[in-house]
Amino acid sequence: MEDLSNEEINYRSSHLQFIPKFMLSKKDYLPQKLWKSIVRLLYKNPNHPVTISDIFSKPLPINVGAEINNVCNAKCSFCGYDKQVNDITADPRKKTKLNRNVFSHTLQLYNDAGGGNFFLSPILGEISSDPKWLDLIKEARLYPNISGVSCFSNAILFDRFGSENILKSGLTNLAISTSLGSSEQYKRLYGVDKYDKVLNNILDILETNVKLGNPVSIHLMLRQDKPYDPFLNSSLYKKLVKLIGKNKISILDDEWDDYNGLISENNLPKGHKLLINETSKEIPCYALFRKLVVLMDGTIQGCACRVEPDLWTDNILNHKDLSSAWKNSKLEKIRNDWSEKKLIPNSCKTCTHYIPATNLISNSTPKYIYKKIKSKLKNIYT
């Protein structure tokens, strides 16, 4: 399951953002140098990416994550997990879990490189299916530069661990994928008859989080039938808003991947549509430049959206620093072949998650910077 911020989710609906030509140059001439100085001064960050060359030359990933397992306790209709049509499968690997040496080594490299927030979630699976998941979070937080841990869960097993234990584990960000308001809808979409249990688990962890002073930022990522009004006008929704606020409740709306043909619109919540595969993919996908994705056996994969063997590169255990892992020769070849030769990996040709790498510099465009300065001046003089 991919971890995406609200800003990144918005890329999905408007991902072909306009980027001025001078920002697309891989060489730094005077205009590029001047604009970089202005933008980095405004952001107070000497390394803020401004041009496409900054994306390609960046020595470290924006963030790092490890896949904890590929085992799930739900059978979601909209997910590729355990689905296969002829020779097409969402995950060709055997069921297993994260190698602890891989985990510790990845954390050490990330910590030594300056650290930041660490993502611990499956690509296809459920984090709490591993009985040791809270121990892994605690281990991650022992490293001084690991500032937080983010996880993605369906909340089915939360009662087994206890809300307070989860919230005091060192976890800082929790995204919960679920469907609320109807037990029929939940069972149809998640494939298990666990609605009442899940609802109780969610309410308990939200209420406990409030009592503890909100140590964890919790987001509800809902999968709901259309129309939404019955749910949005319900007493349950109003209760959830009081506990976490509207801005932390989102509904996935017509942003569904087909998992290379394994999912059809019949598998989606009622009234929803699949993403349309972007036909123009001249610019490499941003996934190749955003996150270092470490699979359970240490394999570095070029993407966190799907399990794709043609994006498997080197192994994290072969590297003594994060930069060499991030710039490993196989991963660099995928990036450069796409950019220079327009050789797109087969898995990426059919992937509907595509977002151009230029979106990583969309907050450095003159238009965006103008609005940012205008907003700051307005706040000063009003």
Protein backbone atom coordinates (compact mmCIF):
# COMPACT_ATOMS: atom_id res chain seq x y z
CA MET A 1 0.00 0.00 0.00
CA GLU A 2 1.52 3.25 -1.06
CA ASP A 3 1.85 6.10 1.36
CA LEU A 4 0.78 9.44 -0.10
CA SER A 5 0.29 12.84 1.44
CA ASN A 6 -2.83 14.84 0.60
CA GLU A 7 -0.68 17.00 -1.68
CA GLU A 8 0.56 13.94 -3.55
CA ILE A 9 -2.95 12.55 -3.86
CA ASN A 10 -3.96 15.84 -5.49
CA TYR A 11 -1.27 15.23 -8.13
CA ARG A 12 -3.43 12.35 -9.36
CA SER A 13 -6.23 14.66 -10.47
CA SER A 14 -4.02 17.32 -12.03
CA HIS A 15 -0.70 15.64 -12.55
CA LEU A 16 0.25 17.23 -15.87
CA GLN A 17 1.13 20.53 -14.26
CA PHE A 18 2.70 23.28 -16.33
CA ILE A 19 6.46 23.60 -15.87
CA PRO A 20 8.30 26.43 -17.71
CA LYS A 21 10.85 25.31 -20.31
CA PHE A 22 13.85 26.81 -18.56
CA MET A 23 13.14 24.58 -15.53
CA LEU A 24 13.26 21.48 -17.74
CA SER A 25 16.87 22.02 -18.81
CA LYS A 26 19.42 19.59 -17.38
CA LYS A 27 22.10 22.28 -17.65
CA ASP A 28 22.46 25.27 -15.37
CA TYR A 29 22.73 28.48 -17.37
CA LEU A 30 22.31 31.98 -15.94
CA PRO A 31 18.45 31.92 -15.84
CA GLN A 32 18.46 28.61 -13.99
CA LYS A 33 21.08 29.81 -11.50
CA LEU A 34 19.23 33.05 -10.79
CA TRP A 35 15.88 31.35 -10.33
CA LYS A 36 17.40 28.72 -8.03
CA SER A 37 18.83 31.46 -5.84
CA ILE A 38 15.46 33.18 -5.53
CA VAL A 39 13.46 30.04 -4.80
CA ARG A 40 15.93 28.59 -2.30
CA LEU A 41 16.13 31.92 -0.50
CA LEU A 42 12.36 31.99 -0.22
CA TYR A 43 12.19 28.42 1.09
CA LYS A 44 15.27 28.93 3.26
CA ASN A 45 16.59 25.64 1.91
CA PRO A 46 19.84 25.56 -0.11
CA ASN A 47 18.95 22.12 -1.50
CA HIS A 48 15.35 22.76 -2.53
CA PRO A 49 14.82 21.18 -6.02
CA VAL A 50 14.06 23.83 -8.63
CA THR A 51 14.93 22.34 -12.04
CA ILE A 52 14.78 18.88 -13.57
CA SER A 53 18.55 18.61 -13.14
CA ASP A 54 18.08 18.91 -9.37
CA ILE A 55 15.79 15.88 -9.43
CA PHE A 56 18.26 13.73 -11.38
CA SER A 57 21.32 14.81 -9.39
CA LYS A 58 19.76 14.60 -5.92
CA PRO A 59 22.12 12.33 -3.93
CA LEU A 60 19.48 11.13 -1.47
CA PRO A 61 15.80 10.16 -1.64
CA ILE A 62 13.07 12.38 -0.25
CA ASN A 63 12.14 9.56 2.12
CA VAL A 64 12.79 5.88 2.83
CA GLY A 65 10.51 2.94 3.48
CA ALA A 66 10.57 -0.82 3.97
CA GLU A 67 7.98 -3.45 3.07
CA ILE A 68 7.06 -5.38 6.23
CA ASN A 69 5.22 -8.34 4.66
CA ASN A 70 3.01 -9.45 1.78
CA VAL A 71 0.28 -11.07 3.87
CA CYS A 72 -3.19 -9.58 4.29
CA ASN A 73 -6.21 -10.38 6.47
CA ALA A 74 -8.71 -8.81 4.05
CA LYS A 75 -9.77 -9.67 0.50
CA CYS A 76 -10.41 -6.21 -0.91
CA SER A 77 -12.28 -6.26 -4.21
CA PHE A 78 -10.37 -3.20 -5.46
CA CYS A 79 -6.87 -4.47 -4.58
CA GLY A 80 -4.58 -6.74 -6.60
CA TYR A 81 -3.69 -8.82 -3.53
CA ASP A 82 -3.93 -12.57 -4.26
CA LYS A 83 -5.59 -11.97 -7.64
CA GLN A 84 -4.40 -13.67 -10.82
CA VAL A 85 -5.69 -13.79 -14.39
CA ASN A 86 -3.83 -16.26 -16.62
CA ASP A 87 -0.14 -15.41 -16.14
CA ILE A 88 -0.80 -11.94 -14.70
CA THR A 89 -0.45 -11.67 -10.92
CA ALA A 90 -0.05 -8.68 -8.63
CA ASP A 91 2.71 -10.35 -6.60
CA PRO A 92 4.70 -13.36 -7.89
CA ARG A 93 6.50 -13.92 -4.59
CA LYS A 94 5.82 -16.40 -1.80
CA LYS A 95 4.20 -15.12 1.40
CA THR A 96 6.88 -13.96 3.81
CA LYS A 97 7.93 -11.11 6.07
CA LEU A 98 10.69 -8.53 6.42
CA ASN A 99 14.22 -9.79 7.02
CA ARG A 100 15.33 -8.19 10.30
CA ASN A 101 18.91 -7.70 9.06
CA VAL A 102 17.53 -5.82 6.06
CA PHE A 103 15.39 -3.68 8.36
CA SER A 104 18.22 -2.78 10.75
CA HIS A 105 20.67 -2.10 7.92
CA THR A 106 18.18 0.18 6.12
CA LEU A 107 17.51 2.12 9.32
CA GLN A 108 21.24 2.52 9.98
CA LEU A 109 21.92 3.86 6.48
CA TYR A 110 18.96 6.26 6.70
CA ASN A 111 20.00 7.42 10.15
CA ASP A 112 23.62 7.98 9.04
CA ALA A 113 22.41 10.01 6.05
CA GLY A 114 20.44 12.39 8.27
CA GLY A 115 17.25 10.39 8.64
CA GLY A 116 13.71 11.71 8.68
CA ASN A 117 10.34 9.99 8.64
CA PHE A 118 10.45 6.25 7.95
CA PHE A 119 7.65 4.40 6.14
CA LEU A 120 6.87 0.88 7.34
CA SER A 121 4.03 -0.66 5.34
CA PRO A 122 3.38 -3.48 2.88
CA ILE A 123 2.83 -2.79 -0.81
CA LEU A 124 0.26 -5.59 -0.92
CA GLY A 125 -0.56 -6.74 2.60
CA GLU A 126 -1.49 -5.62 6.11
CA ILE A 127 1.08 -4.37 8.59
CA SER A 128 -0.65 -5.74 11.69
CA SER A 129 -0.59 -9.25 10.20
CA ASP A 130 2.96 -9.29 11.56
CA PRO A 131 2.67 -9.76 15.35
CA LYS A 132 6.00 -7.93 15.77
CA TRP A 133 5.01 -4.73 13.94
CA LEU A 134 5.03 -2.57 17.06
CA ASP A 135 8.48 -3.90 17.98
CA LEU A 136 9.75 -2.82 14.56
CA ILE A 137 8.37 0.68 15.13
CA LYS A 138 10.06 0.84 18.54
CA GLU A 139 13.34 -0.31 17.00
CA ALA A 140 13.14 2.38 14.32
CA ARG A 141 12.65 5.11 16.92
CA LEU A 142 15.84 4.05 18.74
CA TYR A 143 17.83 5.68 15.93
CA PRO A 144 18.32 9.36 16.84
CA ASN A 145 17.72 10.69 13.31
CA ILE A 146 14.55 8.68 12.63
CA SER A 147 12.08 11.44 13.50
CA GLY A 148 8.93 9.40 12.97
CA VAL A 149 7.33 6.26 11.56
CA SER A 150 4.37 6.16 9.18
CA CYS A 151 2.16 3.11 8.66
CA PHE A 152 -0.88 2.11 6.59
CA SER A 153 -3.45 -0.31 8.02
CA ASN A 154 -7.01 -1.63 7.69
CA ALA A 155 -7.46 -1.62 11.51
CA ILE A 156 -8.99 -5.12 11.61
CA LEU A 157 -6.52 -6.40 14.21
CA PHE A 158 -6.05 -3.28 16.33
CA ASP A 159 -7.98 -4.74 19.28
CA ARG A 160 -5.42 -7.55 19.45
CA PHE A 161 -2.65 -5.04 20.23
CA GLY A 162 -4.58 -2.36 22.12
CA SER A 163 -5.00 1.26 21.07
CA GLU A 164 -2.75 2.64 23.80
CA ASN A 165 0.08 0.25 22.92
CA ILE A 166 -0.16 1.25 19.25
CA LEU A 167 -0.21 4.96 20.02
CA LYS A 168 2.72 4.76 22.48
CA SER A 169 4.91 2.58 20.23
CA GLY A 170 6.68 5.53 18.59
CA LEU A 171 4.32 5.63 15.64
CA THR A 172 3.79 9.20 14.40
CA ASN A 173 1.54 8.86 11.34
CA LEU A 174 -1.20 6.31 10.73
CA ALA A 175 -3.36 6.04 7.62
CA ILE A 176 -6.39 3.76 7.96
CA SER A 177 -7.99 2.30 4.85
CA THR A 178 -11.63 1.41 5.48
CA SER A 179 -15.25 1.76 4.44
CA LEU A 180 -17.77 3.21 6.88
CA GLY A 181 -21.50 3.64 7.25
CA SER A 182 -22.68 0.23 6.05
CA SER A 183 -21.76 -3.35 6.97
CA GLU A 184 -22.94 -4.54 3.53
CA GLN A 185 -20.71 -2.02 1.76
CA TYR A 186 -17.75 -2.96 3.97
CA LYS A 187 -18.11 -6.70 3.39
CA ARG A 188 -18.52 -6.20 -0.36
CA LEU A 189 -15.41 -4.02 -0.66
CA TYR A 190 -13.11 -5.55 1.97
CA GLY A 191 -14.18 -9.17 1.50
CA VAL A 192 -14.50 -9.98 5.22
CA ASP A 193 -17.41 -9.66 7.64
CA LYS A 194 -15.59 -7.46 10.16
CA TYR A 195 -17.43 -4.12 9.97
CA ASP A 196 -18.54 -3.84 13.60
CA LYS A 197 -15.10 -4.88 14.86
CA VAL A 198 -13.31 -2.41 12.57
CA LEU A 199 -15.64 0.46 13.50
CA ASN A 200 -15.07 -0.20 17.20
CA ASN A 201 -11.31 -0.39 16.65
CA ILE A 202 -11.27 2.91 14.74
CA LEU A 203 -13.41 4.77 17.27
CA ASP A 204 -11.33 3.39 20.13
CA ILE A 205 -7.98 4.42 18.66
CA LEU A 206 -9.29 7.88 17.73
CA GLU A 207 -10.76 8.46 21.20
CA THR A 208 -7.65 7.11 22.92
CA ASN A 209 -5.47 9.34 20.74
CA VAL A 210 -7.44 12.38 21.87
CA LYS A 211 -7.11 11.34 25.54
CA LEU A 212 -3.34 10.98 25.13
CA GLY A 213 -3.01 14.43 23.53
CA ASN A 214 -2.95 13.26 19.89
CA PRO A 215 0.59 11.80 19.76
CA VAL A 216 -0.20 10.22 16.38
CA SER A 217 -1.52 11.97 13.28
CA ILE A 218 -4.32 9.68 12.10
CA HIS A 219 -5.93 9.88 8.66
CA LEU A 220 -9.01 7.97 7.52
CA MET A 221 -8.73 7.03 3.84
CA LEU A 222 -12.25 5.91 2.97
CA ARG A 223 -13.56 3.77 0.16
CA GLN A 224 -17.23 4.70 -0.21
CA ASP A 225 -20.09 4.08 -2.64
CA LYS A 226 -21.51 7.09 -4.45
CA PRO A 227 -23.36 9.27 -3.70
CA TYR A 228 -21.46 10.35 -0.58
CA ASP A 229 -24.18 12.54 0.93
CA PRO A 230 -25.83 9.85 3.09
CA PHE A 231 -22.50 9.16 4.79
CA LEU A 232 -21.40 12.81 4.98
CA ASN A 233 -24.71 13.72 6.64
CA SER A 234 -24.60 10.82 9.09
CA SER A 235 -24.05 11.03 12.83
CA LEU A 236 -21.03 8.76 12.43
CA TYR A 237 -19.28 11.18 10.07
CA LYS A 238 -20.01 14.09 12.43
CA LYS A 239 -18.54 12.10 15.30
CA LEU A 240 -15.40 11.35 13.29
CA VAL A 241 -15.02 15.03 12.37
CA LYS A 242 -15.13 15.96 16.05
CA LEU A 243 -12.39 13.44 16.80
CA ILE A 244 -9.92 14.23 13.98
CA GLY A 245 -11.31 17.04 11.81
CA LYS A 246 -12.50 17.12 8.19
CA ASN A 247 -9.01 17.58 6.79
CA LYS A 248 -7.99 14.13 8.03
CA ILE A 249 -10.86 12.29 6.40
CA SER A 250 -10.60 11.65 2.66
CA ILE A 251 -12.56 9.56 0.18
CA LEU A 252 -10.74 7.98 -2.75
CA ASP A 253 -12.71 9.31 -5.71
CA ASP A 254 -12.24 7.83 -9.21
CA GLU A 255 -8.51 7.35 -8.55
CA TRP A 256 -8.35 3.56 -8.85
CA ASP A 257 -5.56 1.47 -10.35
CA ASP A 258 -6.48 -1.59 -12.43
CA TYR A 259 -3.40 -3.59 -11.34
CA ASN A 260 -2.50 -4.39 -14.92
CA GLY A 261 -6.00 -5.54 -15.79
CA LEU A 262 -6.72 -7.52 -12.61
CA ILE A 263 -9.30 -4.97 -11.41
CA SER A 264 -12.39 -3.85 -13.33
CA GLU A 265 -14.94 -1.17 -12.47
CA ASN A 266 -17.19 -3.91 -11.10
CA ASN A 267 -14.63 -4.36 -8.31
CA LEU A 268 -14.83 -0.73 -7.24
CA PRO A 269 -17.22 1.06 -4.88
CA LYS A 270 -20.51 1.80 -6.63
CA GLY A 271 -20.35 4.70 -9.09
CA HIS A 272 -16.53 4.82 -9.27
CA LYS A 273 -14.24 4.70 -12.30
CA LEU A 274 -10.73 3.45 -12.94
CA LEU A 275 -7.88 5.79 -13.67
CA ILE A 276 -7.16 6.23 -17.37
CA ASN A 277 -3.63 5.22 -18.31
CA GLU A 278 -1.63 8.29 -19.32
CA THR A 279 -0.53 7.76 -22.93
CA SER A 280 2.18 10.43 -22.92
CA LYS A 281 4.96 9.34 -20.58
CA GLU A 282 7.99 11.10 -22.03
CA ILE A 283 9.07 12.35 -18.62
CA PRO A 284 10.08 9.60 -16.15
CA CYS A 285 7.67 8.91 -13.31
CA TYR A 286 8.22 10.75 -10.05
CA ALA A 287 8.20 7.44 -8.14
CA LEU A 288 11.74 6.79 -9.41
CA PHE A 289 12.98 9.97 -7.72
CA ARG A 290 10.91 10.18 -4.55
CA LYS A 291 11.34 7.26 -2.23
CA LEU A 292 13.88 4.50 -1.59
CA VAL A 293 11.67 1.40 -1.48
CA VAL A 294 13.22 -1.62 0.23
CA LEU A 295 11.42 -4.93 -0.21
CA MET A 296 11.38 -7.66 2.44
CA ASP A 297 14.52 -9.39 1.17
CA GLY A 298 16.43 -6.13 0.75
CA THR A 299 15.74 -5.65 -2.95
CA ILE A 300 15.54 -1.97 -3.88
CA GLN A 301 12.49 -1.43 -6.07
CA GLY A 302 12.04 1.69 -8.15
CA CYS A 303 8.45 2.27 -7.03
CA ALA A 304 6.10 1.88 -4.03
CA CYS A 305 2.84 1.55 -5.99
CA ARG A 306 2.98 -2.07 -7.13
CA VAL A 307 5.23 -5.13 -6.89
CA GLU A 308 7.08 -5.01 -10.22
CA PRO A 309 10.03 -7.38 -10.95
CA ASP A 310 11.29 -5.23 -13.84
CA LEU A 311 11.85 -2.42 -11.32
CA TRP A 312 13.91 -4.59 -8.96
CA THR A 313 17.47 -3.31 -8.76
CA ASP A 314 20.31 -3.89 -6.28
CA ASN A 315 20.06 -5.11 -2.67
CA ILE A 316 20.32 -2.66 0.24
CA LEU A 317 22.72 -5.07 2.03
CA ASN A 318 25.29 -4.44 -0.71
CA HIS A 319 25.60 -0.78 0.25
CA LYS A 320 27.43 0.99 3.03
CA ASP A 321 25.70 4.34 2.60
CA LEU A 322 22.26 5.53 1.53
CA SER A 323 23.51 7.58 -1.40
CA SER A 324 25.09 4.58 -3.15
CA ALA A 325 21.90 2.57 -2.63
CA TRP A 326 19.80 5.44 -4.06
CA LYS A 327 22.12 5.90 -7.03
CA ASN A 328 22.78 2.20 -7.66
CA SER A 329 23.64 1.43 -11.29
CA LYS A 330 20.49 -0.57 -12.09
CA LEU A 331 18.15 2.10 -10.75
CA GLU A 332 20.10 4.87 -12.48
CA LYS A 333 19.86 2.94 -15.74
CA ILE A 334 16.07 2.76 -15.46
CA ARG A 335 15.92 6.52 -14.83
CA ASN A 336 18.33 7.46 -17.62
CA ASP A 337 16.97 5.01 -20.20
CA TRP A 338 13.51 6.49 -19.70
CA SER A 339 14.74 10.08 -19.82
CA GLU A 340 17.33 9.87 -22.60
CA LYS A 341 16.23 6.92 -24.76
CA LYS A 342 12.49 6.89 -23.98
CA LEU A 343 12.84 3.26 -22.95
CA ILE A 344 10.00 2.84 -20.48
CA PRO A 345 9.86 -0.29 -18.26
CA ASN A 346 7.02 -2.57 -19.37
CA SER A 347 5.32 -2.35 -15.99
CA CYS A 348 5.31 1.45 -16.20
CA LYS A 349 3.75 1.47 -19.66
CA THR A 350 0.52 0.05 -18.29
CA CYS A 351 0.62 1.65 -14.82
CA THR A 352 -2.12 4.19 -14.07
CA HIS A 353 -0.24 5.60 -11.08
CA TYR A 354 2.06 7.58 -13.41
CA ILE A 355 2.93 11.10 -12.29
CA PRO A 356 5.72 12.98 -14.14
CA ALA A 357 8.88 13.69 -12.17
CA THR A 358 8.43 17.38 -12.92
CA ASN A 359 5.70 17.46 -10.28
CA LEU A 360 8.49 17.30 -7.72
CA ILE A 361 9.41 20.86 -8.75
CA SER A 362 5.85 22.17 -9.23
CA ASN A 363 6.20 24.27 -6.06
CA SER A 364 9.20 26.06 -7.63
CA THR A 365 7.48 27.46 -10.72
CA PRO A 366 7.21 31.25 -11.13
CA LYS A 367 3.41 30.97 -10.91
CA TYR A 368 3.55 29.07 -7.63
CA ILE A 369 6.23 31.36 -6.15
CA TYR A 370 4.24 34.45 -7.16
CA LYS A 371 1.19 33.14 -5.30
CA LYS A 372 3.34 32.27 -2.29
CA ILE A 373 4.87 35.77 -2.11
CA LYS A 374 1.47 37.39 -2.67
CA SER A 375 0.00 35.38 0.19
CA LYS A 376 2.86 36.33 2.52
CA LEU A 377 2.51 40.03 1.71
CA LYS A 378 -1.24 39.85 2.25
CA ASN A 379 -0.70 38.36 5.70
CA ILE A 380 1.78 41.10 6.56
CA TYR A 381 -0.37 44.05 5.49
CA THR A 382 -3.80 42.82 6.60
